[in-house]
Amino acid sequence: MKKLIFIPLLIFSLTLSAQFTKSGGTFLKTGNSFMTATSSETPTTLTTGIISYWKFDETGASDAAVDEVSAHNSTSGNATRNQTGKIGRCFLFATAKRINFDDHADWTTATNTSHSWSAWVNLTGDQAAFVNIAGSHVGPQFGLARVSSGHYKLSFYDGTSQIDGDDLTYAIDGSTWYHIVCIKSNTDITFYRNNVEVGTGTATHAIDPTYYAIGGDGADEYFTGYIDEFGYWGKALSADEVEELYNSGTGITYPFE
């Protein structure tokens, strides 16, 4: 007769809160089964309230600047395409070189509305007394105000008053990129350069322009240099969103993933 042999089982008691780490995630004990917990990043809020975004990656000499968000493609303009940008390609602007957009209600600002403008710029020459980054010479207009060669202030023109930021030094070498931001929160104006707040002010005038342009305007206020990754929002960007756009100096492009 065969003997029955009983082998004792060693039972491991696991509590519901026990965790086992592994590469790439965490094992969580739930009942009699395991599930893998993975981390997830906080979704970006930069796509909320965005009106237009131009990457300036077009390469053809007369290609329209394509709006990645809306239908605001450029309708004319002679900025030089297919230049090395901050991210991908970019446009080069100079005297009598700008890009133009049709009139639209999206360009209108009022005292109780919020808007934001963001771009990477790279100066290739000294700037005039005032140069247009984006907008209309009758306002609203985001630009640079000249103090002296290599010294400029971020500036916003509301159609009546010019609000200037701090006097900052800019390299004029065609190789140094700066991230510049103008935020209009109702009447409050805030400027950022390279993720640092560089001035505040108050805008009190509502304006409905008849055209919109980047790199120049109807008053011959032409920017001299490269512009890349231009975004326009119908909201006031937060400090966290400005930091996300700057991305430790690397930049980020739409759709900000």
C-alpha atoms as a PDB file:
ATOM      1  CA  MET A   1       0.000   0.000   0.000  1.00  0.00           C
ATOM      2  CA  LYS A   2       1.344   3.389  -1.016  1.00  0.00           C
ATOM      3  CA  LYS A   3       1.753   5.999   1.630  1.00  0.00           C
ATOM      4  CA  LEU A   4       0.165   9.372   1.187  1.00  0.00           C
ATOM      5  CA  ILE A   5       2.600  12.177   1.578  1.00  0.00           C
ATOM      6  CA  PHE A   6       1.319  15.585   2.645  1.00  0.00           C
ATOM      7  CA  ILE A   7       3.503  18.566   1.723  1.00  0.00           C
ATOM      8  CA  PRO A   8       2.787  21.632   3.796  1.00  0.00           C
ATOM      9  CA  LEU A   9       2.227  24.805   1.813  1.00  0.00           C
ATOM     10  CA  LEU A  10       3.890  28.011   2.814  1.00  0.00           C
ATOM     11  CA  ILE A  11       1.248  30.687   2.592  1.00  0.00           C
ATOM     12  CA  PHE A  12       2.279  34.232   2.023  1.00  0.00           C
ATOM     13  CA  SER A  13      -0.146  36.743   3.423  1.00  0.00           C
ATOM     14  CA  LEU A  14      -0.464  39.855   1.317  1.00  0.00           C
ATOM     15  CA  THR A  15      -2.300  42.916   2.475  1.00  0.00           C
ATOM     16  CA  LEU A  16      -4.403  44.906   0.120  1.00  0.00           C
ATOM     17  CA  SER A  17      -2.029  47.834   0.419  1.00  0.00           C
ATOM     18  CA  ALA A  18       1.084  45.852  -0.445  1.00  0.00           C
ATOM     19  CA  GLN A  19       3.002  47.145  -3.472  1.00  0.00           C
ATOM     20  CA  PHE A  20       5.688  45.520  -5.609  1.00  0.00           C
ATOM     21  CA  THR A  21       7.808  47.773  -7.723  1.00  0.00           C
ATOM     22  CA  LYS A  22       9.047  46.893 -11.165  1.00  0.00           C
ATOM     23  CA  SER A  23      10.707  48.722 -13.999  1.00  0.00           C
ATOM     24  CA  GLY A  24       8.160  50.939 -15.775  1.00  0.00           C
ATOM     25  CA  GLY A  25       5.356  50.782 -13.208  1.00  0.00           C
ATOM     26  CA  THR A  26       4.010  49.449  -9.903  1.00  0.00           C
ATOM     27  CA  PHE A  27       2.174  46.205  -9.130  1.00  0.00           C
ATOM     28  CA  LEU A  28      -0.832  46.750  -6.884  1.00  0.00           C
ATOM     29  CA  LYS A  29      -2.512  43.851  -5.061  1.00  0.00           C
ATOM     30  CA  THR A  30      -6.294  43.999  -5.358  1.00  0.00           C
ATOM     31  CA  GLY A  31      -8.223  41.044  -3.995  1.00  0.00           C
ATOM     32  CA  ASN A  32      -6.703  37.940  -5.587  1.00  0.00           C
ATOM     33  CA  SER A  33      -5.348  39.704  -8.640  1.00  0.00           C
ATOM     34  CA  PHE A  34      -2.654  42.165  -9.583  1.00  0.00           C
ATOM     35  CA  MET A  35      -2.938  45.268 -11.697  1.00  0.00           C
ATOM     36  CA  THR A  36      -0.233  47.525 -13.045  1.00  0.00           C
ATOM     37  CA  ALA A  37      -0.350  51.192 -12.103  1.00  0.00           C
ATOM     38  CA  THR A  38       1.289  53.526 -14.598  1.00  0.00           C
ATOM     39  CA  SER A  39       2.021  57.226 -14.247  1.00  0.00           C
ATOM     40  CA  SER A  40       0.348  59.770 -16.502  1.00  0.00           C
ATOM     41  CA  GLU A  41       1.270  63.356 -17.286  1.00  0.00           C
ATOM     42  CA  THR A  42      -1.114  66.216 -16.683  1.00  0.00           C
ATOM     43  CA  PRO A  43      -2.786  67.085 -20.015  1.00  0.00           C
ATOM     44  CA  THR A  44      -1.710  70.399 -21.508  1.00  0.00           C
ATOM     45  CA  THR A  45      -4.048  73.376 -21.277  1.00  0.00           C
ATOM     46  CA  LEU A  46      -2.300  75.194 -24.120  1.00  0.00           C
ATOM     47  CA  THR A  47      -4.858  73.946 -26.651  1.00  0.00           C
ATOM     48  CA  THR A  48      -7.662  75.558 -24.637  1.00  0.00           C
ATOM     49  CA  GLY A  49      -8.567  78.989 -25.984  1.00  0.00           C
ATOM     50  CA  ILE A  50      -6.010  78.896 -28.787  1.00  0.00           C
ATOM     51  CA  ILE A  51      -7.066  80.881 -31.872  1.00  0.00           C
ATOM     52  CA  SER A  52      -4.128  80.472 -34.249  1.00  0.00           C
ATOM     53  CA  TYR A  53      -0.721  78.855 -34.423  1.00  0.00           C
ATOM     54  CA  TRP A  54       1.801  79.244 -37.218  1.00  0.00           C
ATOM     55  CA  LYS A  55       4.832  76.934 -37.282  1.00  0.00           C
ATOM     56  CA  PHE A  56       6.385  78.721 -40.306  1.00  0.00           C
ATOM     57  CA  ASP A  57       7.647  75.404 -41.665  1.00  0.00           C
ATOM     58  CA  GLU A  58       6.655  76.215 -45.258  1.00  0.00           C
ATOM     59  CA  THR A  59       9.507  75.940 -47.756  1.00  0.00           C
ATOM     60  CA  GLY A  60       8.165  77.358 -51.023  1.00  0.00           C
ATOM     61  CA  ALA A  61       9.068  80.993 -51.771  1.00  0.00           C
ATOM     62  CA  SER A  62       5.414  82.032 -51.917  1.00  0.00           C
ATOM     63  CA  ASP A  63       3.809  79.389 -49.698  1.00  0.00           C
ATOM     64  CA  ALA A  64       1.135  80.692 -47.352  1.00  0.00           C
ATOM     65  CA  ALA A  65       1.888  80.508 -43.640  1.00  0.00           C
ATOM     66  CA  VAL A  66      -0.512  77.778 -42.578  1.00  0.00           C
ATOM     67  CA  ASP A  67      -2.573  78.236 -39.438  1.00  0.00           C
ATOM     68  CA  GLU A  68      -2.507  74.894 -37.611  1.00  0.00           C
ATOM     69  CA  VAL A  69      -5.650  75.721 -35.611  1.00  0.00           C
ATOM     70  CA  SER A  70      -8.014  77.908 -37.615  1.00  0.00           C
ATOM     71  CA  ALA A  71      -8.350  79.100 -41.201  1.00  0.00           C
ATOM     72  CA  HIS A  72      -6.153  82.149 -40.720  1.00  0.00           C
ATOM     73  CA  ASN A  73      -3.578  81.292 -43.385  1.00  0.00           C
ATOM     74  CA  SER A  74      -1.534  84.221 -44.656  1.00  0.00           C
ATOM     75  CA  THR A  75      -2.946  85.774 -47.827  1.00  0.00           C
ATOM     76  CA  SER A  76       0.137  87.641 -49.015  1.00  0.00           C
ATOM     77  CA  GLY A  77       3.601  88.680 -47.949  1.00  0.00           C
ATOM     78  CA  ASN A  78       7.226  88.333 -48.948  1.00  0.00           C
ATOM     79  CA  ALA A  79       9.087  87.159 -45.848  1.00  0.00           C
ATOM     80  CA  THR A  80      11.830  84.707 -46.763  1.00  0.00           C
ATOM     81  CA  ARG A  81      10.735  81.114 -46.213  1.00  0.00           C
ATOM     82  CA  ASN A  82      12.638  77.915 -45.434  1.00  0.00           C
ATOM     83  CA  GLN A  83      15.131  79.235 -42.899  1.00  0.00           C
ATOM     84  CA  THR A  84      16.578  77.272 -39.967  1.00  0.00           C
ATOM     85  CA  GLY A  85      14.192  77.856 -37.086  1.00  0.00           C
ATOM     86  CA  LYS A  86      14.014  77.284 -33.390  1.00  0.00           C
ATOM     87  CA  ILE A  87      11.956  74.180 -34.191  1.00  0.00           C
ATOM     88  CA  GLY A  88      12.076  72.999 -37.797  1.00  0.00           C
ATOM     89  CA  ARG A  89      11.978  75.852 -40.312  1.00  0.00           C
ATOM     90  CA  CYS A  90      11.079  79.536 -39.888  1.00  0.00           C
ATOM     91  CA  PHE A  91      10.595  82.830 -41.770  1.00  0.00           C
ATOM     92  CA  LEU A  92      13.113  85.651 -42.094  1.00  0.00           C
ATOM     93  CA  PHE A  93      11.799  89.221 -41.901  1.00  0.00           C
ATOM     94  CA  ALA A  94      13.467  92.488 -42.888  1.00  0.00           C
ATOM     95  CA  THR A  95      12.646  95.907 -44.332  1.00  0.00           C
ATOM     96  CA  ALA A  96       9.552  95.691 -46.547  1.00  0.00           C
ATOM     97  CA  LYS A  97       9.159  91.992 -45.713  1.00  0.00           C
ATOM     98  CA  ARG A  98       6.128  90.808 -43.745  1.00  0.00           C
ATOM     99  CA  ILE A  99       3.165  88.418 -44.045  1.00  0.00           C
ATOM    100  CA  ASN A 100      -0.454  89.536 -44.109  1.00  0.00           C
ATOM    101  CA  PHE A 101      -3.794  88.115 -43.023  1.00  0.00           C
ATOM    102  CA  ASP A 102      -7.369  88.994 -43.893  1.00  0.00           C
ATOM    103  CA  ASP A 103      -9.410  91.113 -41.528  1.00  0.00           C
ATOM    104  CA  HIS A 104     -11.279  89.046 -38.948  1.00  0.00           C
ATOM    105  CA  ALA A 105     -13.086  89.515 -35.658  1.00  0.00           C
ATOM    106  CA  ASP A 106     -10.440  87.330 -33.987  1.00  0.00           C
ATOM    107  CA  TRP A 107      -7.958  90.218 -34.174  1.00  0.00           C
ATOM    108  CA  THR A 108     -10.224  92.554 -32.158  1.00  0.00           C
ATOM    109  CA  THR A 109      -9.422  93.339 -28.534  1.00  0.00           C
ATOM    110  CA  ALA A 110     -11.546  95.096 -25.931  1.00  0.00           C
ATOM    111  CA  THR A 111     -10.893  96.263 -22.400  1.00  0.00           C
ATOM    112  CA  ASN A 112     -12.723  93.250 -20.952  1.00  0.00           C
ATOM    113  CA  THR A 113     -11.151  90.567 -23.165  1.00  0.00           C
ATOM    114  CA  SER A 114      -8.023  88.491 -22.678  1.00  0.00           C
ATOM    115  CA  HIS A 115      -5.461  87.510 -25.303  1.00  0.00           C
ATOM    116  CA  SER A 116      -1.905  86.183 -25.443  1.00  0.00           C
ATOM    117  CA  TRP A 117       0.857  86.217 -28.044  1.00  0.00           C
ATOM    118  CA  SER A 118       3.904  83.937 -28.004  1.00  0.00           C
ATOM    119  CA  ALA A 119       6.819  83.609 -30.430  1.00  0.00           C
ATOM    120  CA  TRP A 120      10.481  82.754 -30.755  1.00  0.00           C
ATOM    121  CA  VAL A 121      12.562  85.572 -32.265  1.00  0.00           C
ATOM    122  CA  ASN A 122      16.168  85.847 -33.388  1.00  0.00           C
ATOM    123  CA  LEU A 123      17.553  89.279 -34.272  1.00  0.00           C
ATOM    124  CA  THR A 124      19.779  89.700 -37.327  1.00  0.00           C
ATOM    125  CA  GLY A 125      20.112  93.484 -37.181  1.00  0.00           C
ATOM    126  CA  ASP A 126      19.349  96.578 -35.141  1.00  0.00           C
ATOM    127  CA  GLN A 127      15.647  97.399 -34.884  1.00  0.00           C
ATOM    128  CA  ALA A 128      13.851 100.648 -35.665  1.00  0.00           C
ATOM    129  CA  ALA A 129      12.183 102.808 -33.015  1.00  0.00           C
ATOM    130  CA  PHE A 130       9.261 100.393 -32.920  1.00  0.00           C
ATOM    131  CA  VAL A 131       8.868  97.135 -34.834  1.00  0.00           C
ATOM    132  CA  ASN A 132       5.778  95.008 -35.214  1.00  0.00           C
ATOM    133  CA  ILE A 133       5.975  91.349 -34.216  1.00  0.00           C
ATOM    134  CA  ALA A 134       2.247  90.856 -34.769  1.00  0.00           C
ATOM    135  CA  GLY A 135      -0.809  93.036 -35.165  1.00  0.00           C
ATOM    136  CA  SER A 136      -1.795  96.257 -36.889  1.00  0.00           C
ATOM    137  CA  HIS A 137      -0.193  99.696 -36.680  1.00  0.00           C
ATOM    138  CA  VAL A 138      -3.537 101.039 -35.398  1.00  0.00           C
ATOM    139  CA  GLY A 139      -3.513  98.367 -32.682  1.00  0.00           C
ATOM    140  CA  PRO A 140      -3.619  95.935 -31.113  1.00  0.00           C
ATOM    141  CA  GLN A 141       0.077  95.358 -31.658  1.00  0.00           C
ATOM    142  CA  PHE A 142       2.810  93.306 -29.982  1.00  0.00           C
ATOM    143  CA  GLY A 143       6.316  94.460 -30.795  1.00  0.00           C
ATOM    144  CA  LEU A 144       9.729  95.692 -29.746  1.00  0.00           C
ATOM    145  CA  ALA A 145      10.518  99.279 -28.754  1.00  0.00           C
ATOM    146  CA  ARG A 146      14.125 100.365 -29.319  1.00  0.00           C
ATOM    147  CA  VAL A 147      16.143 101.937 -26.488  1.00  0.00           C
ATOM    148  CA  SER A 148      19.528 101.707 -28.223  1.00  0.00           C
ATOM    149  CA  SER A 149      21.312  99.203 -30.432  1.00  0.00           C
ATOM    150  CA  GLY A 150      20.944  95.805 -28.773  1.00  0.00           C
ATOM    151  CA  HIS A 151      18.582  97.185 -26.112  1.00  0.00           C
ATOM    152  CA  TYR A 152      14.820  96.791 -26.594  1.00  0.00           C
ATOM    153  CA  LYS A 153      11.607  96.607 -24.621  1.00  0.00           C
ATOM    154  CA  LEU A 154       8.740  94.244 -25.266  1.00  0.00           C
ATOM    155  CA  SER A 155       5.813  96.487 -26.094  1.00  0.00           C
ATOM    156  CA  PHE A 156       2.050  96.446 -26.589  1.00  0.00           C
ATOM    157  CA  TYR A 157       0.127  99.182 -28.400  1.00  0.00           C
ATOM    158  CA  ASP A 158      -3.602  99.312 -27.642  1.00  0.00           C
ATOM    159  CA  GLY A 159      -4.452 101.892 -30.294  1.00  0.00           C
ATOM    160  CA  THR A 160      -3.954 104.842 -27.945  1.00  0.00           C
ATOM    161  CA  SER A 161      -1.159 104.039 -25.509  1.00  0.00           C
ATOM    162  CA  GLN A 162       2.108 102.122 -25.809  1.00  0.00           C
ATOM    163  CA  ILE A 163       2.859  99.888 -22.835  1.00  0.00           C
ATOM    164  CA  ASP A 164       6.539  98.973 -22.541  1.00  0.00           C
ATOM    165  CA  GLY A 165       8.310  96.273 -20.559  1.00  0.00           C
ATOM    166  CA  ASP A 166      11.811  96.325 -19.124  1.00  0.00           C
ATOM    167  CA  ASP A 167      14.920  97.492 -20.993  1.00  0.00           C
ATOM    168  CA  LEU A 168      16.611  94.228 -22.004  1.00  0.00           C
ATOM    169  CA  THR A 169      19.764  93.315 -23.871  1.00  0.00           C
ATOM    170  CA  TYR A 170      19.406  91.256 -27.052  1.00  0.00           C
ATOM    171  CA  ALA A 171      22.194  89.666 -29.038  1.00  0.00           C
ATOM    172  CA  ILE A 172      22.167  90.741 -32.688  1.00  0.00           C
ATOM    173  CA  ASP A 173      23.912  87.733 -34.146  1.00  0.00           C
ATOM    174  CA  GLY A 174      21.339  85.695 -36.049  1.00  0.00           C
ATOM    175  CA  SER A 175      21.932  82.711 -33.777  1.00  0.00           C
ATOM    176  CA  THR A 176      20.407  83.587 -30.387  1.00  0.00           C
ATOM    177  CA  TRP A 177      16.737  82.725 -29.933  1.00  0.00           C
ATOM    178  CA  TYR A 178      14.462  84.451 -27.428  1.00  0.00           C
ATOM    179  CA  HIS A 179      11.030  83.334 -26.340  1.00  0.00           C
ATOM    180  CA  ILE A 180       8.790  86.386 -25.983  1.00  0.00           C
ATOM    181  CA  VAL A 181       5.240  86.529 -24.640  1.00  0.00           C
ATOM    182  CA  CYS A 182       2.665  89.276 -24.238  1.00  0.00           C
ATOM    183  CA  ILE A 183      -0.369  88.553 -22.065  1.00  0.00           C
ATOM    184  CA  LYS A 184      -3.456  90.762 -21.929  1.00  0.00           C
ATOM    185  CA  SER A 185      -5.750  89.856 -19.041  1.00  0.00           C
ATOM    186  CA  ASN A 186      -8.618  92.316 -19.398  1.00  0.00           C
ATOM    187  CA  THR A 187      -6.683  95.585 -18.970  1.00  0.00           C
ATOM    188  CA  ASP A 188      -3.544  94.090 -17.394  1.00  0.00           C
ATOM    189  CA  ILE A 189      -0.500  93.567 -19.627  1.00  0.00           C
ATOM    190  CA  THR A 190       2.339  91.231 -18.656  1.00  0.00           C
ATOM    191  CA  PHE A 191       5.492  90.482 -20.643  1.00  0.00           C
ATOM    192  CA  TYR A 192       7.774  87.454 -20.436  1.00  0.00           C
ATOM    193  CA  ARG A 193      11.130  86.748 -22.009  1.00  0.00           C
ATOM    194  CA  ASN A 194      12.663  83.300 -21.656  1.00  0.00           C
ATOM    195  CA  ASN A 195      10.175  82.381 -18.934  1.00  0.00           C
ATOM    196  CA  VAL A 196      10.976  85.468 -16.832  1.00  0.00           C
ATOM    197  CA  GLU A 197       8.439  88.228 -16.229  1.00  0.00           C
ATOM    198  CA  VAL A 198       9.916  91.419 -17.668  1.00  0.00           C
ATOM    199  CA  GLY A 199       7.307  94.121 -17.227  1.00  0.00           C
ATOM    200  CA  THR A 200       3.670  94.952 -16.640  1.00  0.00           C
ATOM    201  CA  GLY A 201       1.267  97.732 -17.568  1.00  0.00           C
ATOM    202  CA  THR A 202      -2.320  98.673 -18.293  1.00  0.00           C
ATOM    203  CA  ALA A 203      -4.139  98.794 -21.634  1.00  0.00           C
ATOM    204  CA  THR A 204      -7.397 100.724 -21.652  1.00  0.00           C
ATOM    205  CA  HIS A 205      -8.421 101.048 -25.297  1.00  0.00           C
ATOM    206  CA  ALA A 206     -10.577  98.717 -27.386  1.00  0.00           C
ATOM    207  CA  ILE A 207      -9.569  98.329 -31.028  1.00  0.00           C
ATOM    208  CA  ASP A 208     -10.951  96.616 -34.116  1.00  0.00           C
ATOM    209  CA  PRO A 209      -8.206  96.595 -36.773  1.00  0.00           C
ATOM    210  CA  THR A 210      -8.838  96.293 -40.501  1.00  0.00           C
ATOM    211  CA  TYR A 211      -5.886  93.955 -41.134  1.00  0.00           C
ATOM    212  CA  TYR A 212      -3.372  91.756 -39.341  1.00  0.00           C
ATOM    213  CA  ALA A 213       0.313  91.219 -40.105  1.00  0.00           C
ATOM    214  CA  ILE A 214       3.401  89.519 -38.700  1.00  0.00           C
ATOM    215  CA  GLY A 215       6.898  90.994 -39.028  1.00  0.00           C
ATOM    216  CA  GLY A 216       5.787  94.421 -40.208  1.00  0.00           C
ATOM    217  CA  ASP A 217       2.753  96.642 -40.662  1.00  0.00           C
ATOM    218  CA  GLY A 218       1.148  99.439 -42.654  1.00  0.00           C
ATOM    219  CA  ALA A 219       3.379 102.022 -40.993  1.00  0.00           C
ATOM    220  CA  ASP A 220       6.613 100.320 -42.197  1.00  0.00           C
ATOM    221  CA  GLU A 221       7.506  99.111 -38.708  1.00  0.00           C
ATOM    222  CA  TYR A 222       9.494  96.080 -39.848  1.00  0.00           C
ATOM    223  CA  PHE A 223      11.162  93.523 -37.624  1.00  0.00           C
ATOM    224  CA  THR A 224      14.674  92.462 -38.650  1.00  0.00           C
ATOM    225  CA  GLY A 225      15.297  88.799 -37.934  1.00  0.00           C
ATOM    226  CA  TYR A 226      13.748  85.346 -37.713  1.00  0.00           C
ATOM    227  CA  ILE A 227      10.327  84.541 -36.244  1.00  0.00           C
ATOM    228  CA  ASP A 228       9.229  81.009 -35.430  1.00  0.00           C
ATOM    229  CA  GLU A 229       6.424  79.132 -33.630  1.00  0.00           C
ATOM    230  CA  PHE A 230       3.931  81.971 -33.295  1.00  0.00           C
ATOM    231  CA  GLY A 231       0.848  81.323 -31.164  1.00  0.00           C
ATOM    232  CA  TYR A 232      -2.191  83.475 -30.473  1.00  0.00           C
ATOM    233  CA  TRP A 233      -4.770  82.746 -27.763  1.00  0.00           C
ATOM    234  CA  GLY A 234      -8.113  84.216 -26.774  1.00  0.00           C
ATOM    235  CA  LYS A 235      -7.203  83.925 -23.111  1.00  0.00           C
ATOM    236  CA  ALA A 236      -4.538  85.030 -20.665  1.00  0.00           C
ATOM    237  CA  LEU A 237      -1.817  82.407 -20.486  1.00  0.00           C
ATOM    238  CA  SER A 238      -0.826  81.321 -16.993  1.00  0.00           C
ATOM    239  CA  ALA A 239       2.745  81.350 -15.721  1.00  0.00           C
ATOM    240  CA  ASP A 240       2.729  77.552 -15.936  1.00  0.00           C
ATOM    241  CA  GLU A 241       1.656  77.698 -19.579  1.00  0.00           C
ATOM    242  CA  VAL A 242       4.412  80.184 -20.396  1.00  0.00           C
ATOM    243  CA  GLU A 243       6.883  77.820 -18.745  1.00  0.00           C
ATOM    244  CA  GLU A 244       5.515  74.932 -20.820  1.00  0.00           C
ATOM    245  CA  LEU A 245       5.973  76.922 -24.039  1.00  0.00           C
ATOM    246  CA  TYR A 246       9.525  77.844 -23.074  1.00  0.00           C
ATOM    247  CA  ASN A 247      10.259  74.217 -22.193  1.00  0.00           C
ATOM    248  CA  SER A 248      13.624  74.894 -20.531  1.00  0.00           C
ATOM    249  CA  GLY A 249      14.746  76.809 -23.613  1.00  0.00           C
ATOM    250  CA  THR A 250      13.991  74.007 -26.066  1.00  0.00           C
ATOM    251  CA  GLY A 251      10.536  75.229 -27.051  1.00  0.00           C
ATOM    252  CA  ILE A 252       7.489  73.166 -27.952  1.00  0.00           C
ATOM    253  CA  THR A 253       5.262  73.145 -31.000  1.00  0.00           C
ATOM    254  CA  TYR A 254       1.556  72.690 -31.572  1.00  0.00           C
ATOM    255  CA  PRO A 255      -0.306  70.501 -30.560  1.00  0.00           C
ATOM    256  CA  PHE A 256       2.028  70.602 -27.507  1.00  0.00           C
ATOM    257  CA  GLU A 257       2.233  66.839 -26.990  1.00  0.00           C
END
